[in-house]
Protein backbone atom coordinates (compact mmCIF):
# COMPACT_ATOMS: atom_id res chain seq x y z
CA MET A 1 34.34 -21.58 -8.33
CA GLN A 2 37.37 -20.43 -6.37
CA THR A 3 40.41 -19.72 -8.49
CA ASN A 4 43.95 -20.15 -7.24
CA LYS A 5 47.42 -19.93 -8.74
CA ASN A 6 47.56 -23.69 -9.23
CA HIS A 7 44.46 -23.55 -11.44
CA GLN A 8 45.91 -20.69 -13.46
CA ASP A 9 49.20 -22.52 -13.85
CA LEU A 10 47.35 -25.66 -14.96
CA LEU A 11 45.47 -23.81 -17.69
CA LYS A 12 48.51 -21.82 -18.77
CA SER A 13 50.93 -24.75 -18.92
CA GLY A 14 48.33 -27.08 -20.43
CA SER A 15 47.68 -24.56 -23.19
CA MET A 16 51.42 -24.27 -23.84
CA GLU A 17 51.54 -28.03 -24.36
CA LEU A 18 48.95 -27.51 -27.10
CA GLY A 19 51.10 -24.75 -28.63
CA ILE A 20 49.02 -21.85 -27.29
CA THR A 21 50.37 -19.03 -25.12
CA LEU A 22 47.82 -17.44 -22.80
CA SER A 23 48.19 -13.84 -21.63
CA PRO A 24 47.01 -12.59 -18.21
CA ALA A 25 43.95 -11.14 -20.00
CA HIS A 26 43.17 -14.55 -21.49
CA LEU A 27 43.41 -16.16 -18.06
CA ASP A 28 41.09 -13.54 -16.59
CA SER A 29 38.53 -14.22 -19.31
CA PHE A 30 38.71 -17.97 -18.88
CA PHE A 31 38.21 -17.90 -15.12
CA MET A 32 35.38 -15.38 -15.39
CA TYR A 33 33.80 -17.79 -17.90
CA PHE A 34 34.24 -20.74 -15.54
CA ALA A 35 32.74 -18.85 -12.59
CA GLU A 36 29.64 -17.88 -14.60
CA LEU A 37 29.36 -21.44 -15.92
CA ILE A 38 29.18 -22.84 -12.38
CA LYS A 39 26.77 -20.11 -11.23
CA TRP A 40 24.36 -20.74 -14.11
CA ASN A 41 24.77 -24.49 -13.78
CA ASN A 42 22.92 -24.28 -10.48
CA LYS A 43 19.85 -23.13 -12.44
CA ILE A 44 20.11 -24.95 -15.78
CA ASN A 45 21.95 -28.08 -16.83
CA LEU A 46 25.08 -26.86 -18.66
CA THR A 47 27.73 -29.35 -17.53
CA THR A 48 28.21 -32.34 -15.28
CA ILE A 49 31.81 -31.27 -14.70
CA THR A 50 31.86 -28.77 -11.84
CA ASP A 51 35.37 -28.95 -10.37
CA ALA A 52 38.05 -26.52 -11.52
CA HIS A 53 40.53 -29.22 -12.56
CA GLY A 54 37.91 -31.00 -14.66
CA ILE A 55 36.63 -27.81 -16.30
CA ILE A 56 40.15 -26.75 -17.24
CA ILE A 57 41.12 -30.08 -18.80
CA LYS A 58 37.87 -31.50 -20.14
CA HIS A 59 36.33 -28.23 -21.34
CA ALA A 60 38.98 -25.54 -21.87
CA LEU A 61 41.98 -27.60 -23.01
CA ASP A 62 39.77 -29.98 -24.97
CA SER A 63 38.28 -26.97 -26.78
CA LEU A 64 41.68 -25.43 -27.51
CA SER A 65 42.87 -28.73 -29.01
CA TYR A 66 40.54 -28.07 -31.98
CA ILE A 67 42.97 -25.36 -33.11
CA LYS A 68 45.31 -28.16 -34.22
CA GLY A 69 42.82 -28.74 -37.03
CA PHE A 70 42.87 -25.27 -38.63
CA ALA A 71 44.77 -21.98 -38.70
CA PRO A 72 42.82 -19.04 -37.17
CA SER A 73 43.22 -15.82 -39.15
CA PRO A 74 41.50 -12.42 -39.34
CA GLY A 75 38.07 -12.62 -40.96
CA LEU A 76 37.78 -16.39 -40.69
CA ARG A 77 34.17 -17.45 -40.01
CA LEU A 78 33.61 -20.35 -37.61
CA LEU A 79 30.27 -22.04 -36.94
CA ASP A 80 29.87 -24.26 -33.88
CA LEU A 81 27.03 -26.79 -33.93
CA GLY A 82 25.23 -27.70 -30.70
CA SER A 83 27.24 -25.23 -28.66
CA GLY A 84 25.72 -25.97 -25.25
CA ALA A 85 27.81 -24.00 -22.76
CA GLY A 86 30.05 -22.66 -25.54
CA PHE A 87 32.64 -25.40 -26.00
CA PRO A 88 34.76 -25.47 -28.11
CA ALA A 89 33.97 -22.17 -29.85
CA LEU A 90 34.22 -19.67 -26.98
CA PRO A 91 37.65 -20.81 -25.71
CA ILE A 92 38.85 -20.58 -29.32
CA LYS A 93 37.34 -17.09 -29.58
CA ILE A 94 38.98 -15.96 -26.33
CA VAL A 95 42.47 -16.75 -27.64
CA HIS A 96 41.71 -15.72 -31.25
CA PRO A 97 39.45 -12.64 -31.06
CA GLU A 98 40.17 -11.89 -34.73
CA ILE A 99 37.82 -14.63 -35.95
CA THR A 100 34.04 -14.38 -36.30
CA VAL A 101 32.06 -17.02 -34.42
CA THR A 102 28.48 -18.25 -34.76
CA LEU A 103 27.09 -20.50 -32.02
CA VAL A 104 24.13 -22.73 -32.85
CA GLU A 105 22.17 -23.78 -29.75
CA SER A 106 18.47 -24.59 -30.03
CA VAL A 107 17.83 -24.91 -26.26
CA LYS A 108 16.65 -21.43 -25.27
CA LYS A 109 18.05 -21.50 -21.71
CA LYS A 110 21.49 -22.52 -22.95
CA ALA A 111 21.33 -19.83 -25.64
CA ALA A 112 20.51 -17.31 -22.88
CA PHE A 113 23.65 -18.38 -21.01
CA LEU A 114 25.72 -17.94 -24.17
CA ARG A 115 24.39 -14.41 -24.67
CA HIS A 116 25.15 -13.64 -21.02
CA ILE A 117 28.73 -14.89 -21.17
CA ILE A 118 29.40 -13.05 -24.44
CA ARG A 119 28.27 -9.80 -22.79
CA THR A 120 30.23 -10.57 -19.61
CA LEU A 121 33.46 -11.26 -21.51
CA GLN A 122 32.78 -8.36 -23.91
CA LEU A 123 33.36 -10.57 -26.94
CA SER A 124 32.67 -8.99 -30.31
CA SER A 125 31.80 -10.65 -33.63
CA VAL A 126 29.90 -13.50 -31.94
CA GLU A 127 26.37 -14.47 -32.97
CA ILE A 128 23.93 -16.86 -31.28
CA LEU A 129 21.40 -18.77 -33.38
CA ASP A 130 18.83 -20.50 -31.16
CA GLN A 131 17.59 -22.79 -33.90
CA ARG A 132 18.21 -26.36 -34.93
CA ALA A 133 21.15 -26.66 -37.30
CA GLU A 134 19.03 -28.42 -39.92
CA GLN A 135 16.92 -25.24 -40.25
CA LEU A 136 19.97 -23.21 -41.28
CA ALA A 137 21.00 -25.17 -44.37
CA SER A 138 19.14 -22.91 -46.82
CA SER A 139 19.78 -19.46 -45.33
CA LEU A 140 23.45 -20.11 -44.47
CA HIS A 141 24.41 -22.40 -47.35
CA ASN A 142 28.16 -22.24 -48.19
CA THR A 143 28.84 -19.54 -45.57
CA TYR A 144 31.53 -20.73 -43.13
CA ASP A 145 35.25 -21.43 -43.36
CA ILE A 146 35.26 -23.76 -40.34
CA VAL A 147 32.53 -25.86 -38.75
CA THR A 148 33.11 -27.47 -35.37
CA ALA A 149 30.88 -29.86 -33.43
CA ARG A 150 31.35 -31.40 -30.01
CA ALA A 151 27.90 -32.56 -28.96
CA PHE A 152 27.08 -35.04 -31.73
CA ALA A 153 27.10 -38.71 -30.69
CA ASP A 154 27.49 -39.85 -34.30
CA MET A 155 30.31 -38.55 -36.49
CA ASN A 156 28.40 -39.16 -39.74
CA VAL A 157 25.50 -37.02 -38.48
CA ALA A 158 27.91 -34.23 -37.52
CA ILE A 159 29.46 -34.29 -41.00
CA PHE A 160 26.11 -34.30 -42.83
CA THR A 161 24.82 -31.44 -40.66
CA ALA A 162 27.95 -29.35 -41.18
CA LEU A 163 28.43 -29.95 -44.90
CA PRO A 164 25.82 -27.57 -46.44
CA LEU A 165 26.94 -24.73 -44.14
CA LEU A 166 30.57 -24.97 -45.21
CA LYS A 167 32.24 -22.97 -47.98
CA GLN A 168 34.06 -24.78 -50.72
CA ASN A 169 37.58 -25.49 -49.44
CA GLY A 170 36.37 -25.00 -45.86
CA VAL A 171 36.97 -27.59 -43.17
CA ILE A 172 34.98 -29.56 -40.61
CA VAL A 173 36.94 -30.12 -37.38
CA LEU A 174 35.73 -32.84 -35.02
CA SER A 175 37.27 -34.19 -31.81
CA ARG A 176 36.40 -37.82 -31.21
CA GLY A 177 37.48 -40.80 -29.16
CA PRO A 178 40.76 -42.43 -30.24
CA MET A 179 39.19 -45.71 -31.37
CA GLU A 180 36.32 -44.23 -33.40
CA THR A 181 36.24 -44.90 -37.11
CA LEU A 182 34.25 -43.35 -39.93
CA ASP A 183 31.22 -45.53 -40.54
CA SER A 184 30.91 -46.38 -44.25
CA LEU A 185 30.68 -42.78 -45.46
CA ASP A 186 31.70 -42.30 -49.08
CA LEU A 187 33.57 -39.01 -48.69
CA GLU A 188 34.16 -38.56 -52.40
CA LYS A 189 30.43 -38.84 -53.11
CA TYR A 190 29.80 -35.89 -50.78
CA GLY A 191 32.64 -33.74 -52.09
CA LEU A 192 34.80 -34.26 -49.00
CA ALA A 193 38.35 -35.36 -48.32
CA LEU A 194 39.80 -36.55 -45.02
CA GLU A 195 42.68 -34.10 -44.74
CA ASN A 196 44.13 -35.07 -41.38
CA ARG A 197 43.77 -37.09 -38.20
CA ILE A 198 45.72 -35.83 -35.22
CA GLY A 199 46.02 -37.99 -32.14
CA LEU A 200 46.68 -36.37 -28.77
CA VAL A 201 46.34 -36.79 -25.03
CA LEU A 202 44.85 -33.82 -23.19
CA PRO A 203 47.57 -32.29 -20.98
CA TYR A 204 47.72 -33.50 -17.37
CA SER A 205 45.25 -36.30 -18.03
CA ASP A 206 44.89 -39.69 -19.67
CA HIS A 207 42.09 -38.48 -21.97
CA LYS A 208 42.99 -39.52 -25.53
CA ARG A 209 41.43 -37.62 -28.40
CA MET A 210 41.56 -37.74 -32.20
CA ILE A 211 41.11 -34.52 -34.17
CA TRP A 212 39.51 -35.26 -37.55
CA VAL A 213 39.79 -32.65 -40.31
CA PHE A 214 37.60 -32.92 -43.42
CA ARG A 215 37.96 -30.51 -46.34
CA LYS A 216 35.06 -29.65 -48.64
CA LEU A 217 36.34 -29.98 -52.19
CA ARG A 218 33.12 -29.15 -54.01
CA ASP A 219 29.46 -28.47 -53.38
CA VAL A 220 27.13 -31.41 -53.86
CA PRO A 221 23.36 -30.84 -54.24
CA ARG A 222 21.39 -31.89 -51.20
CA GLY A 223 19.65 -35.21 -51.62
CA THR A 224 22.61 -36.70 -53.49
């Protein structure tokens, strides 16, 4: 993917609209990421979005919008479910290197891409787990401060999958369509509270999103 000043300005100004200031080093990392994404996409299916404008808005800016749902801080542990090509977790990691990130991606070829891009960008404190998320509930129970998920078609499934991995007082951050509602899930029964819903339009687009933030108030035994 050829990078020009217009693309850099789009990412930089779009990020500023989301309240994020990108440095020249951040921009370099992002466009190195995009170039490798397109190169690998010729071999394995990572994304259907292959133009620079689309990648910037629908992948990078969409990923950075998750930061509206939590406050990154040193030592914070973030788990991303169904990471695919690394969205939203790797854009978040690029701008907040102080957090620790775990990417869960069970498709081996996609996990290989994630390992490659982590080496290429020289990102530290990033772990790849090439397993299904359901297999992690016992070994990583109550481990993470933040759980994100972008690939789940059903919000209830995303919440149920994230819940056992989350620390008490941790949060699940999901980005969904603006008209989506929570389907008959008794949050109190599962020790959760809906803390916030943040509506936004991705910069330089008409793509409306809703950031949902759920806080885990207490641990509930599985099978409840």
